Amino acid sequence: IAKLRERGLRPNAITFNTVMDASVRAGKVTEAWRLLDDMRRMQLKPDKFTCSILVKGLAKKPTASCIRRSLDLIQQVSASCDRTFLGNLLHCVFDACQASEERRLAEEAFAQMRKYEVVPSSSAQRFMVQAITGA
């Protein structure tokens, strides 16, 4: 992206998504999120593909900050997503919550599943029951 700017070229959303995807695949999840910030500074809006790429990064590095930002991003792009796509995104986020033991964020992911009428997986349901009952 920096090289494009040095040459006077303005990257578009597809360019950002491509570089973000390469960053995630290389395990540079923090870099991918930084690219989202750069994208927004350039007045480009993230889309469902941007969201999918960044959520995919949660499997590599599920931090509370990235989970929180993923949940916010899902809300921002939800209007352009069908229920199946939203379900996949939210289940990935929920899995990241479980892996990082982020119970509060898991509750938020579960609430978004309900909001978007996504049927939670049996493991998500079990995790929530255990969290509520303290089992």
Protein backbone atom coordinates (compact mmCIF):
# COMPACT_ATOMS: atom_id res chain seq x y z
CA ILE A 1 0.00 0.00 0.00
CA ALA A 2 2.81 2.38 0.88
CA LYS A 3 4.51 1.74 -2.47
CA LEU A 4 1.29 2.55 -4.30
CA ARG A 5 0.98 5.82 -2.42
CA GLU A 6 4.63 6.68 -3.14
CA ARG A 7 3.84 6.35 -6.84
CA GLY A 8 0.84 8.65 -6.52
CA LEU A 9 -1.70 5.83 -6.86
CA ARG A 10 -4.74 5.59 -4.63
CA PRO A 11 -5.51 2.04 -3.50
CA ASN A 12 -9.18 1.00 -3.56
CA ALA A 13 -11.09 -1.35 -1.25
CA ILE A 14 -10.16 -4.40 -3.34
CA THR A 15 -6.48 -3.55 -3.04
CA PHE A 16 -6.80 -3.17 0.73
CA ASN A 17 -8.73 -6.44 1.02
CA THR A 18 -6.06 -8.26 -0.99
CA VAL A 19 -3.24 -6.94 1.19
CA MET A 20 -5.23 -7.65 4.38
CA ASP A 21 -5.82 -11.22 3.23
CA ALA A 22 -2.10 -11.68 2.53
CA SER A 23 -1.31 -10.29 5.99
CA VAL A 24 -3.74 -12.67 7.70
CA ARG A 25 -2.43 -15.65 5.75
CA ALA A 26 1.09 -14.70 6.82
CA GLY A 27 -0.03 -14.55 10.46
CA LYS A 28 0.30 -10.76 10.61
CA VAL A 29 -3.15 -10.14 12.05
CA THR A 30 -2.20 -6.86 13.76
CA GLU A 31 -0.98 -5.56 10.40
CA ALA A 32 -4.31 -6.50 8.81
CA TRP A 33 -6.20 -4.46 11.41
CA ARG A 34 -3.82 -1.53 10.88
CA LEU A 35 -4.67 -1.72 7.18
CA LEU A 36 -8.36 -1.43 8.06
CA ASP A 37 -7.56 1.78 9.94
CA ASP A 38 -5.62 3.06 6.90
CA MET A 39 -8.51 2.11 4.64
CA ARG A 40 -10.94 4.13 6.75
CA ARG A 41 -8.58 7.12 6.85
CA MET A 42 -8.74 7.09 3.06
CA GLN A 43 -12.55 7.27 3.30
CA LEU A 44 -12.98 3.71 1.99
CA LYS A 45 -15.68 1.62 3.63
CA PRO A 46 -15.04 -1.96 4.67
CA ASP A 47 -17.37 -4.51 3.10
CA LYS A 48 -18.38 -8.06 3.90
CA PHE A 49 -15.17 -9.33 2.28
CA THR A 50 -13.07 -7.09 4.53
CA CYS A 51 -14.99 -8.42 7.50
CA SER A 52 -14.55 -12.04 6.43
CA ILE A 53 -10.80 -11.59 6.02
CA LEU A 54 -10.36 -10.00 9.45
CA VAL A 55 -12.62 -12.53 11.19
CA LYS A 56 -10.55 -15.29 9.59
CA GLY A 57 -7.56 -13.77 11.39
CA LEU A 58 -9.17 -14.55 14.74
CA ALA A 59 -8.34 -18.22 14.20
CA LYS A 60 -4.65 -17.26 14.25
CA LYS A 61 -4.63 -14.63 16.99
CA PRO A 62 -7.85 -14.35 19.03
CA THR A 63 -7.27 -11.28 21.19
CA ALA A 64 -10.05 -9.47 23.04
CA SER A 65 -9.35 -6.33 21.02
CA CYS A 66 -9.62 -8.12 17.68
CA ILE A 67 -12.77 -9.94 18.80
CA ARG A 68 -14.37 -6.65 19.89
CA ARG A 69 -13.45 -4.98 16.61
CA SER A 70 -14.77 -7.98 14.66
CA LEU A 71 -18.14 -7.79 16.42
CA ASP A 72 -18.35 -4.07 15.64
CA LEU A 73 -17.37 -4.65 12.02
CA ILE A 74 -19.99 -7.38 11.61
CA GLN A 75 -22.65 -4.92 12.75
CA GLN A 76 -21.40 -2.35 10.25
CA VAL A 77 -21.55 -4.69 7.25
CA SER A 78 -24.52 -6.83 8.30
CA ALA A 79 -26.96 -5.16 5.88
CA SER A 80 -24.99 -6.56 2.93
CA CYS A 81 -24.80 -10.11 4.33
CA ASP A 82 -27.29 -12.94 4.14
CA ARG A 83 -28.06 -14.99 7.26
CA THR A 84 -25.74 -17.85 6.26
CA PHE A 85 -22.78 -15.51 5.78
CA LEU A 86 -23.54 -13.74 9.07
CA GLY A 87 -23.81 -17.12 10.76
CA ASN A 88 -20.38 -18.14 9.52
CA LEU A 89 -18.84 -14.86 10.69
CA LEU A 90 -20.47 -15.00 14.09
CA HIS A 91 -19.58 -18.64 14.66
CA CYS A 92 -15.93 -17.84 13.87
CA VAL A 93 -16.04 -14.97 16.35
CA PHE A 94 -17.70 -17.17 18.95
CA ASP A 95 -15.01 -19.85 18.46
CA ALA A 96 -12.36 -17.18 19.02
CA CYS A 97 -14.14 -16.13 22.22
CA GLN A 98 -14.06 -19.72 23.45
CA ALA A 99 -10.40 -20.17 22.50
CA SER A 100 -9.38 -17.02 24.33
CA GLU A 101 -11.84 -17.58 27.21
CA GLU A 102 -13.53 -14.23 26.60
CA ARG A 103 -16.88 -14.98 28.23
CA ARG A 104 -18.22 -11.42 28.05
CA LEU A 105 -17.44 -11.17 24.34
CA ALA A 106 -18.92 -14.64 23.80
CA GLU A 107 -22.14 -13.32 25.32
CA GLU A 108 -22.06 -10.40 22.88
CA ALA A 109 -21.44 -12.74 19.94
CA PHE A 110 -24.32 -14.92 21.12
CA ALA A 111 -26.56 -11.84 21.40
CA GLN A 112 -25.67 -10.88 17.82
CA MET A 113 -26.58 -14.40 16.71
CA ARG A 114 -30.01 -13.88 18.24
CA LYS A 115 -30.33 -10.40 16.73
CA TYR A 116 -29.61 -11.69 13.22
CA GLU A 117 -31.63 -14.88 13.76
CA VAL A 118 -28.58 -17.12 13.42
CA VAL A 119 -28.98 -20.55 14.98
CA PRO A 120 -26.08 -21.09 17.39
CA SER A 121 -24.08 -24.28 17.07
CA SER A 122 -24.48 -26.92 19.75
CA SER A 123 -21.02 -26.07 21.10
CA ALA A 124 -21.99 -22.39 21.34
CA GLN A 125 -25.16 -23.30 23.19
CA ARG A 126 -23.25 -25.61 25.53
CA PHE A 127 -20.62 -22.92 26.23
CA MET A 128 -23.31 -20.36 27.05
CA VAL A 129 -25.15 -22.76 29.37
CA GLN A 130 -21.89 -23.50 31.17
CA ALA A 131 -21.11 -19.79 31.43
CA ILE A 132 -24.53 -19.01 32.86
CA THR A 133 -24.64 -21.92 35.30
CA GLY A 134 -20.98 -21.68 36.25
CA ALA A 135 -20.49 -25.36 35.40
